[in-house]
């Protein structure tokens, strides 16, 4: 759907392909932590791939290992790319801007 919509979009190259590129970039970012979990559970991943540092008294962000922080950040950036690409493809920013202007004109009248 995003690819089809990008073909009908006008403007420069970034405007045409931006939503598709953001959506495509989101896939490996979101899948990074899930893939790490599957490989670690299957024994195919290296030993130092734990999400949290061993011996830390907290089970929150303060105890994340390097790979844990990287996977967490990649997941959030991936979902941000996915949401941005889908909303951009659906032309939501323009629709919100036009709706806001129509509502503001009605308030003045």
Protein backbone atom coordinates (compact mmCIF):
# COMPACT_ATOMS: atom_id res chain seq x y z
CA UNK A 1 0.00 0.00 0.00
CA UNK A 2 2.77 2.44 0.88
CA UNK A 3 4.61 1.66 -2.37
CA UNK A 4 1.46 2.14 -4.47
CA UNK A 5 0.71 5.43 -2.73
CA UNK A 6 4.27 6.64 -3.34
CA UNK A 7 3.76 6.22 -7.10
CA UNK A 8 0.75 8.57 -7.09
CA UNK A 9 2.39 11.23 -4.88
CA UNK A 10 3.68 14.43 -6.48
CA UNK A 11 6.70 16.49 -5.61
CA UNK A 12 10.42 15.82 -5.44
CA UNK A 13 12.09 12.44 -4.98
CA UNK A 14 12.08 12.62 -1.15
CA UNK A 15 8.39 13.55 -1.13
CA UNK A 16 7.57 10.61 -3.39
CA UNK A 17 9.76 7.95 -1.78
CA UNK A 18 10.08 9.24 1.80
CA UNK A 19 7.13 7.30 3.26
CA UNK A 20 8.27 4.08 1.60
CA UNK A 21 11.87 4.52 2.78
CA UNK A 22 10.78 5.23 6.36
CA UNK A 23 8.54 2.19 6.37
CA UNK A 24 11.26 -0.03 4.90
CA UNK A 25 13.82 1.28 7.42
CA UNK A 26 11.48 0.43 10.28
CA UNK A 27 11.49 -3.32 9.58
CA UNK A 28 15.10 -4.18 10.51
CA UNK A 29 15.06 -1.70 13.40
CA UNK A 30 11.97 -3.25 14.99
CA UNK A 31 13.14 -6.80 14.26
CA UNK A 32 16.61 -6.35 15.78
CA UNK A 33 15.64 -7.10 19.39
CA UNK A 34 13.22 -9.87 18.40
CA UNK A 35 15.91 -11.55 16.32
CA UNK A 36 18.37 -11.25 19.20
CA UNK A 37 15.88 -12.96 21.51
CA UNK A 38 15.24 -15.83 19.08
CA UNK A 39 18.94 -16.39 18.40
CA UNK A 40 19.84 -16.16 22.08
CA UNK A 41 17.11 -18.62 23.09
CA UNK A 42 18.23 -21.00 20.36
CA UNK A 43 21.84 -20.85 21.50
CA UNK A 44 23.08 -19.38 18.22
CA UNK A 45 24.00 -15.97 19.68
CA UNK A 46 27.14 -15.06 21.60
CA UNK A 47 27.17 -15.26 25.38
CA UNK A 48 27.45 -11.51 26.03
CA UNK A 49 24.13 -10.64 24.44
CA UNK A 50 22.05 -10.27 27.58
CA UNK A 51 19.58 -7.42 27.75
CA UNK A 52 20.55 -6.55 31.33
CA UNK A 53 23.91 -6.51 33.11
CA UNK A 54 24.30 -9.42 35.52
CA UNK A 55 24.24 -8.55 39.22
CA UNK A 56 22.44 -5.23 38.83
CA UNK A 57 19.83 -4.66 41.53
CA UNK A 58 17.30 -2.96 39.28
CA UNK A 59 15.34 -4.38 36.39
CA UNK A 60 14.89 -1.18 34.43
CA UNK A 61 16.75 1.10 32.02
CA UNK A 62 19.58 1.73 34.51
CA UNK A 63 20.76 -1.89 34.19
CA UNK A 64 20.67 -2.25 30.41
CA UNK A 65 23.79 -3.65 28.81
CA UNK A 66 25.22 -2.09 25.66
CA UNK A 67 23.39 -4.51 23.39
CA UNK A 68 20.22 -4.03 25.45
CA UNK A 69 20.33 -0.24 25.11
CA UNK A 70 21.05 -0.55 21.38
CA UNK A 71 18.14 -2.93 20.82
CA UNK A 72 15.79 -0.79 22.91
CA UNK A 73 16.74 2.36 21.00
CA UNK A 74 16.43 0.57 17.64
CA UNK A 75 12.95 -0.66 18.54
CA UNK A 76 11.69 2.80 19.46
CA UNK A 77 13.29 4.42 16.41
CA UNK A 78 11.84 1.67 14.21
CA UNK A 79 8.32 2.22 15.51
CA UNK A 80 8.74 5.99 15.09
CA UNK A 81 9.82 5.42 11.46
CA UNK A 82 6.88 3.09 10.85
CA UNK A 83 4.31 5.47 12.32
CA UNK A 84 5.82 8.47 10.51
CA UNK A 85 5.94 6.64 7.17
CA UNK A 86 2.34 5.44 7.40
CA UNK A 87 0.99 8.82 8.48
CA UNK A 88 3.00 10.58 5.78
CA UNK A 89 1.77 8.10 3.17
CA UNK A 90 -1.84 8.71 4.23
CA UNK A 91 -1.16 12.47 3.95
CA UNK A 92 -2.29 13.01 7.53
CA UNK A 93 -0.21 16.18 8.13
CA UNK A 94 -1.90 17.95 5.22
CA UNK A 95 -5.33 16.73 6.29
CA UNK A 96 -4.78 17.96 9.85
CA UNK A 97 -3.48 21.32 8.61
CA UNK A 98 -6.48 21.78 6.28
CA UNK A 99 -8.94 20.76 9.00
CA UNK A 100 -7.33 23.14 11.47
CA UNK A 101 -7.57 26.02 8.97
CA UNK A 102 -11.24 25.25 8.24
CA UNK A 103 -12.01 25.16 11.96
CA UNK A 104 -10.15 28.42 12.55
CA UNK A 105 -12.08 30.13 9.72
CA UNK A 106 -15.39 28.98 11.25
CA UNK A 107 -14.40 30.47 14.61
CA UNK A 108 -13.71 33.85 12.98
CA UNK A 109 -17.04 33.94 11.10
